[in-house]
Amino acid sequence: MRIAIDWKKQARTAAVLLAVSAFLAFVNPYDATGGLFYPYALLYWFMMVLSGGVGAELSMSLYDKYYENGPLAARLLVGAIMSALLVTSFILAIEAVFNDAIPIAYWPYVYGLVLVIATAITGVGYLADQTFNGGASPAGDSADGLATFMQRLPIKYRTATLHAISSEDHYLRVHTSVGEEMILMRLADAVRELGGTSGLQVHRSWWVAKAGIAEEKRGNGRSLLVLKSGTEVPVSRSYRAKAKEAGLIQ
């Protein structure tokens, strides 16, 4: 199935990375680039920021996989720590190839310096993402939240009835009355955006809309919600009480 890529968001991300790199090349923190000609300094910092961004994204994706509703601060901290680790490795490799290898005793010191910058960049990246609406909108008005979420989908799905969303790594499978589509988004962000919509998270990987439920099934002591498409959605024990209170299960 084709995955819907938000090209505008990707362009914004590239612009932010380039802007941060340009700023770092100008201020030259820790005199990292010495007297390098500015274009070379810019290239150096862009490589650092890009590698750090990849490290942060991969680590936060793993965090989302195992702690879908984990605290935002912890998620950003994990991203900064892993980003700094990757950038530090990059710096050590560059120094070993082009200059003198940095003694092992100084590695923690280098990592600490990098972590300060990585933490700031991770925070800036998150704020930029929120500013440009790359993340979720605050929970509130159901119509606005649902409309905003559906606008993330290709045109043919935007007027469909939302049945459910399920998490697959750092993508979401969106189940609608006209079919399924994949988008790049965290389930926790989608749940916040759909906070006022008539629906409920029933599993660490599933959110269902009441309008999408056909029936409830039980088997082996478990509750299953059957969507109108026939897809079965598990209701985990940790969400069972809320699902029962909402009238989704008996």
Protein backbone atom coordinates (compact mmCIF):
# COMPACT_ATOMS: atom_id res chain seq x y z
CA MET A 1 0.00 0.00 0.00
CA ARG A 2 1.25 3.47 -0.87
CA ILE A 3 2.44 5.61 2.02
CA ALA A 4 1.34 9.24 2.06
CA ILE A 5 4.47 11.37 2.50
CA ASP A 6 4.08 14.91 3.78
CA TRP A 7 6.51 16.58 1.38
CA LYS A 8 5.87 20.02 2.83
CA LYS A 9 6.90 18.74 6.24
CA GLN A 10 10.04 17.14 4.79
CA ALA A 11 10.93 20.44 3.10
CA ARG A 12 10.40 22.30 6.37
CA THR A 13 12.62 19.81 8.16
CA ALA A 14 15.41 20.28 5.60
CA ALA A 15 15.08 24.07 5.92
CA VAL A 16 15.32 23.88 9.71
CA LEU A 17 18.41 21.65 9.53
CA LEU A 18 20.08 24.03 7.08
CA ALA A 19 19.20 27.08 9.18
CA VAL A 20 20.57 25.48 12.35
CA SER A 21 23.73 24.47 10.49
CA ALA A 22 24.20 28.00 9.15
CA PHE A 23 23.81 29.43 12.65
CA LEU A 24 26.30 26.99 14.18
CA ALA A 25 28.80 27.63 11.39
CA PHE A 26 28.52 31.36 12.11
CA VAL A 27 28.85 31.24 15.92
CA ASN A 28 31.36 28.35 15.77
CA PRO A 29 30.67 26.88 19.26
CA TYR A 30 33.73 25.51 21.07
CA ASP A 31 35.78 26.78 18.09
CA ALA A 32 34.98 23.42 16.48
CA THR A 33 35.68 24.53 12.92
CA GLY A 34 38.61 26.81 13.72
CA GLY A 35 39.47 29.05 10.80
CA LEU A 36 37.63 27.06 8.14
CA PHE A 37 36.25 28.97 5.18
CA TYR A 38 32.53 29.51 5.94
CA PRO A 39 31.13 27.19 3.21
CA TYR A 40 33.32 24.35 4.54
CA ALA A 41 32.26 25.14 8.10
CA LEU A 42 28.63 25.09 6.95
CA LEU A 43 29.14 21.69 5.33
CA TYR A 44 30.80 20.37 8.50
CA TRP A 45 27.95 21.52 10.74
CA PHE A 46 25.31 20.31 8.30
CA MET A 47 26.85 16.84 8.43
CA MET A 48 26.83 17.01 12.25
CA VAL A 49 23.24 18.23 12.45
CA LEU A 50 22.03 15.73 9.85
CA SER A 51 23.70 12.76 11.57
CA GLY A 52 22.36 13.95 14.91
CA GLY A 53 18.90 14.31 13.44
CA VAL A 54 18.99 10.76 12.10
CA GLY A 55 20.12 9.45 15.48
CA ALA A 56 17.38 11.37 17.27
CA GLU A 57 14.68 10.25 14.84
CA LEU A 58 15.64 6.57 15.03
CA SER A 59 15.87 6.55 18.81
CA MET A 60 12.58 8.41 19.26
CA SER A 61 10.91 6.00 16.83
CA LEU A 62 12.06 3.10 19.02
CA TYR A 63 10.85 5.00 22.08
CA ASP A 64 7.44 5.44 20.45
CA LYS A 65 7.31 1.74 19.64
CA TYR A 66 7.78 0.62 23.24
CA TYR A 67 6.40 3.65 25.14
CA GLU A 68 3.66 4.95 22.84
CA ASN A 69 2.22 7.28 25.48
CA GLY A 70 5.47 8.01 27.28
CA PRO A 71 6.24 11.53 28.58
CA LEU A 72 7.25 14.02 25.93
CA ALA A 73 10.24 15.21 27.99
CA ALA A 74 11.58 11.65 28.22
CA ARG A 75 11.13 11.18 24.46
CA LEU A 76 13.08 14.36 23.68
CA LEU A 77 15.81 13.43 26.17
CA VAL A 78 16.24 10.01 24.56
CA GLY A 79 16.52 11.71 21.19
CA ALA A 80 19.15 14.18 22.45
CA ILE A 81 21.22 11.47 24.16
CA MET A 82 21.35 9.24 21.09
CA SER A 83 21.87 12.19 18.77
CA ALA A 84 24.87 13.30 20.83
CA LEU A 85 26.24 9.76 20.83
CA LEU A 86 26.14 9.53 17.03
CA VAL A 87 27.61 13.01 16.51
CA THR A 88 30.38 12.35 19.03
CA SER A 89 31.29 9.16 17.16
CA PHE A 90 31.36 11.16 13.95
CA ILE A 91 33.66 13.79 15.49
CA LEU A 92 36.03 11.18 16.89
CA ALA A 93 36.25 9.50 13.48
CA ILE A 94 36.92 12.80 11.67
CA GLU A 95 39.60 13.81 14.15
CA ALA A 96 41.27 10.41 13.88
CA VAL A 97 41.38 10.64 10.07
CA PHE A 98 42.25 14.30 9.49
CA ASN A 99 43.98 15.34 12.71
CA ASP A 100 45.24 13.62 15.84
CA ALA A 101 43.00 11.02 17.48
CA ILE A 102 41.30 12.31 20.62
CA PRO A 103 42.49 10.37 23.70
CA ILE A 104 39.89 8.06 25.20
CA ALA A 105 40.06 9.95 28.51
CA TYR A 106 38.59 13.01 26.76
CA TRP A 107 35.71 11.21 25.08
CA PRO A 108 33.21 11.84 27.93
CA TYR A 109 34.17 15.52 27.87
CA VAL A 110 33.58 15.74 24.11
CA TYR A 111 30.27 13.91 24.53
CA GLY A 112 29.18 16.37 27.21
CA LEU A 113 29.88 19.34 24.96
CA VAL A 114 27.97 17.73 22.11
CA LEU A 115 25.06 16.79 24.37
CA VAL A 116 24.50 20.46 25.28
CA ILE A 117 24.09 21.37 21.61
CA ALA A 118 22.09 18.21 20.80
CA THR A 119 19.61 18.96 23.60
CA ALA A 120 19.10 22.51 22.33
CA ILE A 121 18.67 21.37 18.71
CA THR A 122 16.21 18.62 19.69
CA GLY A 123 14.13 21.19 21.56
CA VAL A 124 14.26 23.65 18.66
CA GLY A 125 13.27 20.89 16.25
CA TYR A 126 10.25 19.99 18.36
CA LEU A 127 9.14 23.62 18.68
CA ALA A 128 9.55 24.15 14.93
CA ASP A 129 7.50 21.01 14.29
CA GLN A 130 4.70 22.31 16.51
CA THR A 131 4.87 25.83 15.08
CA PHE A 132 4.40 24.58 11.53
CA ASN A 133 1.71 22.12 12.66
CA GLY A 134 3.83 19.10 11.88
CA GLY A 135 2.77 17.60 15.19
CA ALA A 136 -0.67 17.17 16.65
CA SER A 137 -3.07 19.98 17.42
CA PRO A 138 -4.22 20.34 21.01
CA ALA A 139 -7.19 18.21 21.94
CA GLY A 140 -10.44 20.12 22.04
CA ASP A 141 -13.05 20.79 19.40
CA SER A 142 -13.99 17.43 17.88
CA ALA A 143 -14.86 18.77 14.42
CA ASP A 144 -11.65 20.77 14.15
CA GLY A 145 -9.50 17.91 15.44
CA LEU A 146 -11.08 15.36 13.11
CA ALA A 147 -10.95 17.71 10.12
CA THR A 148 -7.28 18.51 10.76
CA PHE A 149 -6.44 14.84 11.04
CA MET A 150 -8.34 13.88 7.87
CA GLN A 151 -6.55 16.64 5.92
CA ARG A 152 -3.36 14.60 6.34
CA LEU A 153 -4.81 11.96 4.01
CA PRO A 154 -5.03 11.93 0.20
CA ILE A 155 -8.12 13.70 -1.16
CA LYS A 156 -10.27 10.57 -1.70
CA TYR A 157 -10.15 9.78 2.05
CA ARG A 158 -10.85 13.23 3.45
CA THR A 159 -14.64 13.01 3.30
CA ALA A 160 -14.74 9.37 4.42
CA THR A 161 -15.84 8.20 7.86
CA LEU A 162 -12.93 7.49 10.15
CA HIS A 163 -13.15 3.99 11.63
CA ALA A 164 -9.85 3.53 13.45
CA ILE A 165 -6.12 4.14 13.43
CA SER A 166 -3.42 1.61 14.21
CA SER A 167 0.28 2.06 14.86
CA GLU A 168 2.90 0.33 12.71
CA ASP A 169 6.36 1.46 13.83
CA HIS A 170 6.33 5.25 13.40
CA TYR A 171 3.57 5.13 10.77
CA LEU A 172 -0.18 4.99 11.24
CA ARG A 173 -2.60 2.89 9.25
CA VAL A 174 -5.79 4.92 8.95
CA HIS A 175 -8.94 2.78 8.57
CA THR A 176 -11.84 4.56 6.87
CA SER A 177 -15.13 3.77 5.19
CA VAL A 178 -13.42 3.88 1.77
CA GLY A 179 -10.29 1.93 2.61
CA GLU A 180 -6.95 2.24 4.39
CA GLU A 181 -4.03 4.62 4.02
CA MET A 182 -0.62 4.98 5.70
CA ILE A 183 0.69 8.29 7.08
CA LEU A 184 3.81 9.27 8.97
CA MET A 185 2.66 10.21 12.49
CA ARG A 186 2.84 8.99 16.08
CA LEU A 187 -0.25 7.36 17.54
CA ALA A 188 0.08 9.48 20.69
CA ASP A 189 -0.01 12.67 18.58
CA ALA A 190 -3.01 11.43 16.59
CA VAL A 191 -4.89 10.55 19.79
CA ARG A 192 -4.27 14.05 21.14
CA GLU A 193 -5.46 15.58 17.88
CA LEU A 194 -8.62 13.44 17.94
CA GLY A 195 -9.17 14.08 21.63
CA GLY A 196 -12.62 15.60 21.19
CA THR A 197 -13.75 13.04 18.61
CA SER A 198 -16.16 10.26 19.59
CA GLY A 199 -13.67 7.45 19.97
CA LEU A 200 -11.18 5.87 22.33
CA GLN A 201 -7.75 4.28 22.49
CA VAL A 202 -8.35 0.61 23.32
CA HIS A 203 -4.85 -0.80 22.90
CA ARG A 204 -1.30 0.55 22.88
CA SER A 205 -1.45 0.33 19.08
CA TRP A 206 -5.13 1.08 18.38
CA TRP A 207 -7.60 3.97 18.56
CA VAL A 208 -11.17 3.34 17.37
CA ALA A 209 -14.03 5.66 16.47
CA LYS A 210 -17.47 4.68 17.72
CA ALA A 211 -18.79 5.23 14.21
CA GLY A 212 -16.46 2.52 12.90
CA ILE A 213 -17.50 -0.30 15.26
CA ALA A 214 -19.85 -2.99 13.98
CA GLU A 215 -19.87 -5.34 16.97
CA GLU A 216 -18.00 -6.73 19.94
CA LYS A 217 -16.65 -10.28 20.05
CA ARG A 218 -15.23 -12.25 22.95
CA GLY A 219 -12.87 -15.17 22.86
CA ASN A 220 -10.39 -16.73 25.28
CA GLY A 221 -11.30 -14.12 27.87
CA ARG A 222 -10.47 -11.27 25.48
CA SER A 223 -12.65 -8.57 23.97
CA LEU A 224 -12.41 -7.75 20.29
CA LEU A 225 -14.05 -4.87 18.49
CA VAL A 226 -15.00 -5.65 14.90
CA LEU A 227 -14.82 -2.69 12.54
CA LYS A 228 -17.38 -2.26 9.77
CA SER A 229 -14.65 -3.39 7.37
CA GLY A 230 -14.38 -6.67 9.26
CA THR A 231 -11.01 -5.86 10.84
CA GLU A 232 -10.75 -7.08 14.43
CA VAL A 233 -9.30 -4.71 17.04
CA PRO A 234 -8.00 -6.09 20.36
CA VAL A 235 -9.00 -4.40 23.60
CA SER A 236 -6.12 -4.69 26.06
CA ARG A 237 -6.62 -5.13 29.80
CA SER A 238 -5.17 -1.72 30.60
CA TYR A 239 -7.83 -0.01 28.44
CA ARG A 240 -10.72 -2.36 29.22
CA ALA A 241 -12.25 -0.25 32.01
CA LYS A 242 -12.32 2.89 29.85
CA ALA A 243 -13.74 0.97 26.90
CA LYS A 244 -16.51 -0.44 29.11
CA GLU A 245 -17.26 2.98 30.56
CA ALA A 246 -17.52 4.37 27.03
CA GLY A 247 -19.99 1.61 26.11
CA LEU A 248 -17.71 0.00 23.54
CA ILE A 249 -17.70 -3.38 25.31
CA GLN A 250 -19.99 -5.15 27.76
